[in-house]
Amino acid sequence: MKFPENIQEVTLLQPDYLGFIFYEKSPRNFEGKILETPSTIKKTGVFVDTSIDFILQKVKQYDFKAIQLHGNESAAYCQDLKDALISDDRPHRFLKPVRSSEDDKIKIWKVFSIKDTFDFDALKPYEGIVDCFLFDTKGKEKGGNGYTFDWSVLKNYSSSTPFILSGGIGLEETDSILSFLKGPESNYLYAIDVNSRFEIEPGLKNIEKLKEFKNLLSVDR
């Protein structure tokens, strides 16, 4: 998300999460203020190979409930970030003391890009550290490439860590999503992430398309 009025329009559709990108090379790079949103909608900060202190600053500024790491962040980096998010002992004391509820914990999502094949052994170092894996389409851009990867690859998913399905999902994929949900490969599916295929321009979402998508997925088939 990028534009205040559009953000407010999308919140009326009651998504579970709203994403805000902090990556200067992205046309969706976010700057400015996020107007108040319902507490049921979790704001998510998206970062690419940046410093942990920068992430902590944005978490404090925008009260993010999830962090999406879209670069080449190592498992050690993710562990350091996780420790920093629950610690009040850092020199700058960016955050409040450790959160007592699992529901209040800021979630960490690590992105992995897929095209035709994927070595799921690459996920093993991140197990027990990140809360979700997000599978996106491998392309020249860091997200927003506009086309899907071969979801059948996920038949080989052997982890019990929840995952988010992303990458070029639009209205045309509705039937494919419903079919995917019927298979065992969806057992650990946590969420569907949509972005570029619902845009009028980068960061500006088409509300009518989003409404249609939500309605189509809500149909009991």
Protein backbone atom coordinates (compact mmCIF):
# COMPACT_ATOMS: atom_id res chain seq x y z
CA MET A 1 0.00 0.00 0.00
CA LYS A 2 1.12 3.55 -0.67
CA PHE A 3 -1.68 6.13 -0.93
CA PRO A 4 -3.68 7.24 2.16
CA GLU A 5 -7.15 7.32 0.58
CA ASN A 6 -6.59 3.98 -1.14
CA ILE A 7 -5.39 2.47 2.14
CA GLN A 8 -8.64 3.51 3.79
CA GLU A 9 -10.67 2.01 0.95
CA VAL A 10 -8.85 -1.30 1.23
CA THR A 11 -9.33 -1.44 5.01
CA LEU A 12 -13.11 -1.50 4.40
CA LEU A 13 -12.61 -4.89 2.74
CA GLN A 14 -11.14 -6.15 6.03
CA PRO A 15 -7.99 -7.90 4.85
CA ASP A 16 -5.98 -9.69 7.51
CA TYR A 17 -2.79 -7.79 6.61
CA LEU A 18 -1.72 -4.62 4.82
CA GLY A 19 1.80 -4.42 3.44
CA PHE A 20 4.10 -1.39 3.30
CA ILE A 21 7.39 -1.61 1.39
CA PHE A 22 10.56 0.12 2.59
CA TYR A 23 12.91 -0.39 -0.33
CA GLU A 24 14.00 2.67 -2.30
CA LYS A 25 14.36 0.75 -5.57
CA SER A 26 10.69 -0.28 -5.47
CA PRO A 27 8.03 1.89 -7.15
CA ARG A 28 5.89 1.01 -4.09
CA ASN A 29 8.42 2.40 -1.61
CA PHE A 30 6.43 3.87 1.27
CA GLU A 31 7.03 7.28 2.80
CA GLY A 32 4.78 9.29 5.03
CA LYS A 33 2.08 8.55 7.57
CA ILE A 34 -0.26 5.58 7.83
CA LEU A 35 -3.70 6.71 8.90
CA GLU A 36 -5.33 4.80 11.74
CA THR A 37 -6.49 1.33 10.72
CA PRO A 38 -8.69 -1.20 12.57
CA SER A 39 -6.79 -3.31 15.11
CA THR A 40 -8.02 -6.45 13.34
CA ILE A 41 -5.86 -5.54 10.33
CA LYS A 42 -2.18 -6.21 10.97
CA LYS A 43 0.23 -3.80 9.34
CA THR A 44 3.25 -5.47 7.76
CA GLY A 45 6.60 -3.90 6.93
CA VAL A 46 8.45 -5.27 3.89
CA PHE A 47 12.24 -4.94 3.87
CA VAL A 48 15.11 -5.97 1.59
CA ASP A 49 18.61 -6.56 3.00
CA THR A 50 18.50 -3.65 5.39
CA SER A 51 19.85 -3.12 8.91
CA ILE A 52 18.04 -4.47 11.93
CA ASP A 53 18.05 -1.02 13.49
CA PHE A 54 16.21 0.37 10.46
CA ILE A 55 13.54 -2.32 10.83
CA LEU A 56 13.20 -1.61 14.55
CA GLN A 57 12.73 2.08 13.86
CA LYS A 58 9.91 1.36 11.38
CA VAL A 59 8.26 -1.15 13.72
CA LYS A 60 8.13 1.49 16.42
CA GLN A 61 6.99 4.24 14.02
CA TYR A 62 4.18 2.25 12.38
CA ASP A 63 3.37 -0.44 14.97
CA PHE A 64 3.98 -3.30 12.56
CA LYS A 65 2.71 -6.73 13.59
CA ALA A 66 4.63 -8.63 10.90
CA ILE A 67 7.92 -8.19 9.08
CA GLN A 68 8.46 -9.58 5.60
CA LEU A 69 12.09 -10.11 4.62
CA HIS A 70 12.39 -10.05 0.85
CA GLY A 71 16.13 -10.11 0.34
CA ASN A 72 19.01 -12.50 0.97
CA GLU A 73 18.69 -12.40 4.75
CA SER A 74 20.44 -15.34 6.43
CA ALA A 75 19.02 -17.50 9.19
CA ALA A 76 21.48 -15.84 11.59
CA TYR A 77 20.15 -12.42 10.59
CA CYS A 78 16.57 -13.61 11.19
CA GLN A 79 17.56 -14.91 14.63
CA ASP A 80 19.21 -11.60 15.51
CA LEU A 81 16.10 -9.73 14.37
CA LYS A 82 13.86 -12.06 16.37
CA ASP A 83 15.97 -11.51 19.48
CA ALA A 84 15.94 -7.75 18.97
CA LEU A 85 12.17 -7.62 18.60
CA ILE A 86 11.59 -9.22 22.00
CA SER A 87 14.40 -7.54 23.89
CA ASP A 88 14.36 -4.27 25.80
CA ASP A 89 18.13 -4.38 26.44
CA ARG A 90 19.35 -2.90 23.19
CA PRO A 91 21.26 0.37 23.58
CA HIS A 92 18.66 2.44 21.73
CA ARG A 93 15.63 0.77 23.40
CA PHE A 94 13.50 1.11 20.28
CA LEU A 95 10.78 -1.22 21.49
CA LYS A 96 8.68 -1.95 24.54
CA PRO A 97 9.72 -4.84 26.83
CA VAL A 98 9.12 -8.44 25.81
CA ARG A 99 5.53 -9.17 24.82
CA SER A 100 3.71 -11.64 27.00
CA SER A 101 1.22 -13.04 24.49
CA GLU A 102 2.04 -15.21 21.47
CA ASP A 103 -0.67 -13.33 19.58
CA ASP A 104 1.09 -10.04 20.31
CA LYS A 105 4.44 -11.27 19.05
CA ILE A 106 5.68 -9.56 15.90
CA LYS A 107 5.82 -12.22 13.21
CA ILE A 108 8.77 -12.69 10.86
CA TRP A 109 8.10 -13.89 7.32
CA LYS A 110 10.99 -14.95 5.08
CA VAL A 111 10.50 -14.81 1.31
CA PHE A 112 11.85 -17.44 -1.07
CA SER A 113 11.47 -17.10 -4.83
CA ILE A 114 10.42 -20.02 -7.00
CA LYS A 115 10.21 -20.55 -10.75
CA ASP A 116 9.97 -24.14 -11.99
CA THR A 117 11.81 -25.98 -9.21
CA PHE A 118 12.91 -25.34 -5.65
CA ASP A 119 15.24 -27.06 -3.18
CA PHE A 120 13.23 -27.11 0.06
CA ASP A 121 16.38 -28.00 2.00
CA ALA A 122 17.14 -24.27 1.76
CA LEU A 123 14.40 -23.69 4.35
CA LYS A 124 15.93 -25.89 7.06
CA PRO A 125 18.25 -23.27 8.63
CA TYR A 126 15.22 -20.98 9.13
CA GLU A 127 13.02 -23.58 10.83
CA GLY A 128 12.05 -22.53 14.35
CA ILE A 129 13.23 -18.97 13.70
CA VAL A 130 10.75 -17.49 11.25
CA ASP A 131 6.98 -17.72 11.69
CA CYS A 132 6.09 -18.11 8.02
CA PHE A 133 7.71 -18.75 4.69
CA LEU A 134 6.41 -16.71 1.76
CA PHE A 135 6.78 -18.21 -1.72
CA ASP A 136 6.97 -15.65 -4.50
CA THR A 137 7.74 -15.82 -8.21
CA LYS A 138 11.38 -15.55 -9.18
CA GLY A 139 11.85 -12.60 -11.53
CA LYS A 140 14.05 -9.60 -12.16
CA GLU A 141 12.20 -7.51 -9.57
CA LYS A 142 11.98 -8.03 -5.80
CA GLY A 143 8.28 -8.88 -6.00
CA GLY A 144 5.56 -7.42 -8.20
CA ASN A 145 6.64 -9.34 -11.30
CA GLY A 146 3.02 -10.06 -12.24
CA TYR A 147 3.08 -13.79 -12.96
CA THR A 148 2.72 -16.97 -10.93
CA PHE A 149 5.16 -19.80 -10.37
CA ASP A 150 4.30 -23.49 -10.76
CA TRP A 151 2.37 -24.23 -7.56
CA SER A 152 2.74 -27.99 -8.07
CA VAL A 153 6.29 -27.53 -6.75
CA LEU A 154 4.69 -27.20 -3.30
CA LYS A 155 3.70 -30.87 -3.40
CA ASN A 156 7.27 -31.42 -2.20
CA TYR A 157 6.88 -29.07 0.78
CA SER A 158 8.00 -31.10 3.79
CA SER A 159 7.96 -28.46 6.52
CA SER A 160 5.27 -27.80 9.12
CA THR A 161 6.02 -24.07 9.14
CA PRO A 162 3.01 -22.17 7.71
CA PHE A 163 3.53 -20.59 4.31
CA ILE A 164 2.04 -17.73 2.32
CA LEU A 165 1.30 -18.12 -1.38
CA SER A 166 2.32 -15.09 -3.40
CA GLY A 167 3.52 -14.08 -6.84
CA GLY A 168 1.36 -12.70 -9.64
CA ILE A 169 -1.99 -13.81 -8.23
CA GLY A 170 -4.97 -12.17 -9.93
CA LEU A 171 -8.66 -12.78 -10.59
CA GLU A 172 -7.76 -15.37 -13.21
CA GLU A 173 -6.17 -17.57 -10.53
CA THR A 174 -9.35 -17.93 -8.43
CA ASP A 175 -10.22 -21.41 -9.72
CA SER A 176 -6.60 -22.51 -9.36
CA ILE A 177 -6.57 -21.32 -5.76
CA LEU A 178 -9.78 -23.19 -4.94
CA SER A 179 -8.33 -26.30 -6.55
CA PHE A 180 -5.06 -25.85 -4.64
CA LEU A 181 -6.99 -25.64 -1.37
CA LYS A 182 -8.38 -29.13 -1.96
CA GLY A 183 -4.94 -30.75 -2.13
CA PRO A 184 -2.64 -31.84 0.71
CA GLU A 185 -0.03 -29.31 -0.41
CA SER A 186 -2.28 -26.60 1.09
CA ASN A 187 -2.21 -28.13 4.60
CA TYR A 188 0.14 -25.45 5.87
CA LEU A 189 -1.14 -22.59 3.73
CA TYR A 190 -1.53 -19.57 5.99
CA ALA A 191 -2.51 -16.77 3.61
CA ILE A 192 -2.85 -15.60 0.02
CA ASP A 193 -0.85 -12.51 -0.85
CA VAL A 194 -1.99 -10.26 -3.71
CA ASN A 195 -0.34 -7.20 -5.13
CA SER A 196 0.54 -6.17 -8.70
CA ARG A 197 -2.35 -7.88 -10.53
CA PHE A 198 -4.80 -5.75 -8.53
CA GLU A 199 -3.10 -2.44 -9.18
CA ILE A 200 -4.02 0.60 -11.23
CA GLU A 201 -0.44 1.77 -10.76
CA PRO A 202 2.28 0.64 -8.32
CA GLY A 203 0.89 0.91 -4.80
CA LEU A 204 -2.63 1.91 -5.90
CA LYS A 205 -5.08 -0.99 -5.59
CA ASN A 206 -8.21 -1.51 -7.70
CA ILE A 207 -10.95 -1.78 -5.09
CA GLU A 208 -13.55 -3.37 -7.37
CA LYS A 209 -11.14 -6.12 -8.43
CA LEU A 210 -10.25 -6.83 -4.80
CA LYS A 211 -13.95 -7.03 -3.91
CA GLU A 212 -14.57 -9.47 -6.73
CA PHE A 213 -11.59 -11.60 -5.72
CA LYS A 214 -12.73 -11.76 -2.11
CA ASN A 215 -16.27 -12.68 -3.13
CA LEU A 216 -15.11 -15.40 -5.50
CA LEU A 217 -12.95 -17.01 -2.82
CA SER A 218 -15.81 -16.81 -0.33
CA VAL A 219 -18.15 -18.85 -2.54
CA ASP A 220 -18.79 -22.29 -1.07
CA ARG A 221 -17.96 -24.79 -3.84
